[in-house]
Amino acid sequence: MDKIDDLDLQILSILSHDADKSYKEIGEQLFVSGGTVHVRVKKLKQLGVIKSSQVIVDYEKLGYDIVAFLGIYLDKSSLYDEVAEGLLTIPEVVAAHYTTGAYSLFAKIICKDTNHLRTVLADKIQSIAGIQRTETFISLVESVERPLKLSSGK
């Protein structure tokens, strides 16, 4: 029951692009019953393949005009867990990745304006023990944001 097949991948692909689609609509598109889709989605949730459902918010329409990426240098790589916990306490940090390359961590932050960004950087992020320094990259336009196109590779 835990094998992922082409139908599972097709269902995931459809839901990734439009999570509001009903099981019945997905079934019609894939030539299976809505019940089959329901059972498959339940299985994918039990397997942890589907972790959650969420609403994608247009933060700009709520007055958040700055999206920035932050390269974070740590004093020591062994401080990663403590720094990651510190980042979790900052609401403006919406994603953080432990990376290879120049930075130990790469984070995405969303702020209302440059003053808000400065405050988040200076008062919140730089105060986390273990952060040596940061480099900030402000996003001018998001050109691509999409779910991964899934296929069985056949």
C-alpha atoms as a PDB file:
ATOM      1  CA  MET A   1       0.000   0.000   0.000  1.00  0.00           C
ATOM      2  CA  ASP A   2       2.939   2.359   0.442  1.00  0.00           C
ATOM      3  CA  LYS A   3       4.074   2.290  -3.190  1.00  0.00           C
ATOM      4  CA  ILE A   4       3.685   5.605  -5.022  1.00  0.00           C
ATOM      5  CA  ASP A   5       2.535   5.114  -8.618  1.00  0.00           C
ATOM      6  CA  ASP A   6       1.763   7.315 -11.625  1.00  0.00           C
ATOM      7  CA  LEU A   7      -1.807   7.966 -10.478  1.00  0.00           C
ATOM      8  CA  ASP A   8      -0.539   9.183  -7.091  1.00  0.00           C
ATOM      9  CA  LEU A   9       1.918  11.507  -8.840  1.00  0.00           C
ATOM     10  CA  GLN A  10      -0.810  12.854 -11.144  1.00  0.00           C
ATOM     11  CA  ILE A  11      -3.062  13.531  -8.155  1.00  0.00           C
ATOM     12  CA  LEU A  12      -0.207  15.297  -6.346  1.00  0.00           C
ATOM     13  CA  SER A  13       0.537  17.381  -9.415  1.00  0.00           C
ATOM     14  CA  ILE A  14      -3.081  18.518  -9.766  1.00  0.00           C
ATOM     15  CA  LEU A  15      -3.406  19.317  -6.047  1.00  0.00           C
ATOM     16  CA  SER A  16      -0.066  21.155  -6.064  1.00  0.00           C
ATOM     17  CA  HIS A  17      -1.404  23.504  -8.727  1.00  0.00           C
ATOM     18  CA  ASP A  18      -4.948  23.828  -7.361  1.00  0.00           C
ATOM     19  CA  ALA A  19      -5.654  22.472  -3.886  1.00  0.00           C
ATOM     20  CA  ASP A  20      -9.270  23.687  -4.156  1.00  0.00           C
ATOM     21  CA  LYS A  21     -10.094  21.089  -6.806  1.00  0.00           C
ATOM     22  CA  SER A  22     -12.543  18.508  -5.523  1.00  0.00           C
ATOM     23  CA  TYR A  23     -11.752  14.816  -5.530  1.00  0.00           C
ATOM     24  CA  LYS A  24     -14.604  14.390  -7.995  1.00  0.00           C
ATOM     25  CA  GLU A  25     -13.062  16.937 -10.425  1.00  0.00           C
ATOM     26  CA  ILE A  26      -9.641  15.327 -10.107  1.00  0.00           C
ATOM     27  CA  GLY A  27     -11.181  11.904 -10.698  1.00  0.00           C
ATOM     28  CA  GLU A  28     -12.945  13.132 -13.832  1.00  0.00           C
ATOM     29  CA  GLN A  29      -9.698  14.602 -15.127  1.00  0.00           C
ATOM     30  CA  LEU A  30      -7.828  11.335 -14.490  1.00  0.00           C
ATOM     31  CA  PHE A  31     -10.678   8.987 -15.486  1.00  0.00           C
ATOM     32  CA  VAL A  32     -11.040   7.445 -12.016  1.00  0.00           C
ATOM     33  CA  SER A  33     -13.696   7.863  -9.328  1.00  0.00           C
ATOM     34  CA  GLY A  34     -13.652  10.608  -6.723  1.00  0.00           C
ATOM     35  CA  GLY A  35     -13.536   7.832  -4.127  1.00  0.00           C
ATOM     36  CA  THR A  36     -10.316   6.502  -5.638  1.00  0.00           C
ATOM     37  CA  VAL A  37      -8.786   9.985  -5.416  1.00  0.00           C
ATOM     38  CA  HIS A  38      -9.937  10.268  -1.785  1.00  0.00           C
ATOM     39  CA  VAL A  39      -8.320   6.933  -0.866  1.00  0.00           C
ATOM     40  CA  ARG A  40      -5.102   7.879  -2.667  1.00  0.00           C
ATOM     41  CA  VAL A  41      -4.893  11.284  -0.950  1.00  0.00           C
ATOM     42  CA  LYS A  42      -5.504   9.642   2.433  1.00  0.00           C
ATOM     43  CA  LYS A  43      -2.670   7.187   1.707  1.00  0.00           C
ATOM     44  CA  LEU A  44      -0.326  10.017   0.655  1.00  0.00           C
ATOM     45  CA  LYS A  45      -1.110  11.836   3.916  1.00  0.00           C
ATOM     46  CA  GLN A  46      -0.468   8.693   5.984  1.00  0.00           C
ATOM     47  CA  LEU A  47       2.873   8.224   4.213  1.00  0.00           C
ATOM     48  CA  GLY A  48       3.835  11.820   4.954  1.00  0.00           C
ATOM     49  CA  VAL A  49       4.079  12.685   1.252  1.00  0.00           C
ATOM     50  CA  ILE A  50       1.345  15.291   1.715  1.00  0.00           C
ATOM     51  CA  LYS A  51       2.471  17.184   4.798  1.00  0.00           C
ATOM     52  CA  SER A  52      -0.246  19.836   4.945  1.00  0.00           C
ATOM     53  CA  SER A  53      -2.602  22.036   2.995  1.00  0.00           C
ATOM     54  CA  GLN A  54      -2.089  25.770   3.070  1.00  0.00           C
ATOM     55  CA  VAL A  55      -3.298  29.065   1.699  1.00  0.00           C
ATOM     56  CA  ILE A  56      -0.817  31.070  -0.357  1.00  0.00           C
ATOM     57  CA  VAL A  57      -1.056  34.708   0.708  1.00  0.00           C
ATOM     58  CA  ASP A  58      -0.132  37.692  -1.457  1.00  0.00           C
ATOM     59  CA  TYR A  59       1.729  39.559   1.287  1.00  0.00           C
ATOM     60  CA  GLU A  60       2.230  42.612  -0.898  1.00  0.00           C
ATOM     61  CA  LYS A  61      -1.541  43.195  -0.842  1.00  0.00           C
ATOM     62  CA  LEU A  62      -1.292  43.267   2.958  1.00  0.00           C
ATOM     63  CA  GLY A  63       1.449  45.907   2.929  1.00  0.00           C
ATOM     64  CA  TYR A  64       4.523  43.666   3.043  1.00  0.00           C
ATOM     65  CA  ASP A  65       6.611  45.114   0.225  1.00  0.00           C
ATOM     66  CA  ILE A  66      10.050  43.625   0.943  1.00  0.00           C
ATOM     67  CA  VAL A  67      11.128  40.048   0.329  1.00  0.00           C
ATOM     68  CA  ALA A  68      14.761  39.506   1.187  1.00  0.00           C
ATOM     69  CA  PHE A  69      17.112  36.580   1.276  1.00  0.00           C
ATOM     70  CA  LEU A  70      19.738  36.401   3.935  1.00  0.00           C
ATOM     71  CA  GLY A  71      23.027  34.548   3.739  1.00  0.00           C
ATOM     72  CA  ILE A  72      24.043  33.732   7.302  1.00  0.00           C
ATOM     73  CA  TYR A  73      27.585  32.966   8.415  1.00  0.00           C
ATOM     74  CA  LEU A  74      27.875  31.067  11.694  1.00  0.00           C
ATOM     75  CA  ASP A  75      30.699  31.298  14.228  1.00  0.00           C
ATOM     76  CA  LYS A  76      30.822  27.480  14.128  1.00  0.00           C
ATOM     77  CA  SER A  77      28.744  25.037  12.091  1.00  0.00           C
ATOM     78  CA  SER A  78      27.961  23.171  15.303  1.00  0.00           C
ATOM     79  CA  LEU A  79      25.746  26.149  16.288  1.00  0.00           C
ATOM     80  CA  TYR A  80      23.282  25.434  13.475  1.00  0.00           C
ATOM     81  CA  ASP A  81      20.550  23.964  15.702  1.00  0.00           C
ATOM     82  CA  GLU A  82      20.659  26.862  18.175  1.00  0.00           C
ATOM     83  CA  VAL A  83      20.619  29.472  15.403  1.00  0.00           C
ATOM     84  CA  ALA A  84      17.758  27.690  13.600  1.00  0.00           C
ATOM     85  CA  GLU A  85      15.772  27.702  16.862  1.00  0.00           C
ATOM     86  CA  GLY A  86      16.453  31.430  17.196  1.00  0.00           C
ATOM     87  CA  LEU A  87      15.239  32.068  13.643  1.00  0.00           C
ATOM     88  CA  LEU A  88      12.015  30.196  14.447  1.00  0.00           C
ATOM     89  CA  THR A  89      11.173  32.854  17.028  1.00  0.00           C
ATOM     90  CA  ILE A  90      11.233  35.625  14.391  1.00  0.00           C
ATOM     91  CA  PRO A  91       7.867  35.813  12.573  1.00  0.00           C
ATOM     92  CA  GLU A  92       9.354  37.586   9.539  1.00  0.00           C
ATOM     93  CA  VAL A  93      11.604  34.585   8.814  1.00  0.00           C
ATOM     94  CA  VAL A  94       9.421  32.403   6.602  1.00  0.00           C
ATOM     95  CA  ALA A  95      12.041  29.880   5.447  1.00  0.00           C
ATOM     96  CA  ALA A  96      15.561  28.839   6.389  1.00  0.00           C
ATOM     97  CA  HIS A  97      17.838  26.271   4.811  1.00  0.00           C
ATOM     98  CA  TYR A  98      21.073  24.704   6.030  1.00  0.00           C
ATOM     99  CA  THR A  99      23.281  24.985   2.953  1.00  0.00           C
ATOM    100  CA  THR A 100      26.594  24.148   1.393  1.00  0.00           C
ATOM    101  CA  GLY A 101      28.722  26.890  -0.089  1.00  0.00           C
ATOM    102  CA  ALA A 102      29.554  30.305   1.294  1.00  0.00           C
ATOM    103  CA  TYR A 103      26.723  30.517   3.818  1.00  0.00           C
ATOM    104  CA  SER A 104      25.839  28.156   6.618  1.00  0.00           C
ATOM    105  CA  LEU A 105      22.175  29.149   6.380  1.00  0.00           C
ATOM    106  CA  PHE A 106      20.079  30.873   3.766  1.00  0.00           C
ATOM    107  CA  ALA A 107      16.850  32.455   4.985  1.00  0.00           C
ATOM    108  CA  LYS A 108      13.861  34.178   3.398  1.00  0.00           C
ATOM    109  CA  ILE A 109      12.303  37.090   5.248  1.00  0.00           C
ATOM    110  CA  ILE A 110       9.243  39.203   4.498  1.00  0.00           C
ATOM    111  CA  CYS A 111       8.945  42.776   5.800  1.00  0.00           C
ATOM    112  CA  LYS A 112       6.673  45.786   5.343  1.00  0.00           C
ATOM    113  CA  ASP A 113       9.402  48.206   4.230  1.00  0.00           C
ATOM    114  CA  THR A 114      13.142  48.877   4.494  1.00  0.00           C
ATOM    115  CA  ASN A 115      12.817  50.263   8.039  1.00  0.00           C
ATOM    116  CA  HIS A 116      11.073  47.065   9.123  1.00  0.00           C
ATOM    117  CA  LEU A 117      13.802  45.032   7.386  1.00  0.00           C
ATOM    118  CA  ARG A 118      16.527  47.013   9.164  1.00  0.00           C
ATOM    119  CA  THR A 119      14.852  46.412  12.523  1.00  0.00           C
ATOM    120  CA  VAL A 120      14.491  42.683  11.878  1.00  0.00           C
ATOM    121  CA  LEU A 121      18.138  42.417  10.836  1.00  0.00           C
ATOM    122  CA  ALA A 122      19.653  44.595  13.553  1.00  0.00           C
ATOM    123  CA  ASP A 123      17.424  43.868  16.525  1.00  0.00           C
ATOM    124  CA  LYS A 124      16.311  40.297  15.945  1.00  0.00           C
ATOM    125  CA  ILE A 125      18.577  38.305  13.640  1.00  0.00           C
ATOM    126  CA  GLN A 126      21.942  39.823  14.590  1.00  0.00           C
ATOM    127  CA  SER A 127      21.135  39.280  18.271  1.00  0.00           C
ATOM    128  CA  ILE A 128      21.018  35.489  17.853  1.00  0.00           C
ATOM    129  CA  ALA A 129      24.090  33.949  19.479  1.00  0.00           C
ATOM    130  CA  GLY A 130      26.261  32.104  16.985  1.00  0.00           C
ATOM    131  CA  ILE A 131      25.626  34.363  13.982  1.00  0.00           C
ATOM    132  CA  GLN A 132      28.907  35.844  12.858  1.00  0.00           C
ATOM    133  CA  ARG A 133      27.550  38.050  10.064  1.00  0.00           C
ATOM    134  CA  THR A 134      24.898  38.191   7.352  1.00  0.00           C
ATOM    135  CA  GLU A 135      24.524  39.309   3.746  1.00  0.00           C
ATOM    136  CA  THR A 136      21.146  40.581   2.578  1.00  0.00           C
ATOM    137  CA  PHE A 137      19.708  40.289  -0.908  1.00  0.00           C
ATOM    138  CA  ILE A 138      16.475  42.149  -1.639  1.00  0.00           C
ATOM    139  CA  SER A 139      14.214  40.536  -4.214  1.00  0.00           C
ATOM    140  CA  LEU A 140      13.033  42.973  -6.865  1.00  0.00           C
ATOM    141  CA  VAL A 141      10.609  40.591  -8.610  1.00  0.00           C
ATOM    142  CA  GLU A 142       9.731  36.936  -8.120  1.00  0.00           C
ATOM    143  CA  SER A 143       9.895  35.454 -11.610  1.00  0.00           C
ATOM    144  CA  VAL A 144       9.195  31.814 -10.813  1.00  0.00           C
ATOM    145  CA  GLU A 145       7.279  30.254  -7.906  1.00  0.00           C
ATOM    146  CA  ARG A 146       5.635  26.955  -8.690  1.00  0.00           C
ATOM    147  CA  PRO A 147       5.285  23.425  -7.454  1.00  0.00           C
ATOM    148  CA  LEU A 148       7.623  20.780  -8.799  1.00  0.00           C
ATOM    149  CA  LYS A 149       6.267  18.924 -11.824  1.00  0.00           C
ATOM    150  CA  LEU A 150       6.102  15.315 -10.688  1.00  0.00           C
ATOM    151  CA  SER A 151       6.581  12.277 -12.896  1.00  0.00           C
ATOM    152  CA  SER A 152       7.529   8.663 -12.389  1.00  0.00           C
ATOM    153  CA  GLY A 153      10.617   9.088 -14.536  1.00  0.00           C
ATOM    154  CA  LYS A 154       9.461   6.445 -16.989  1.00  0.00           C
END
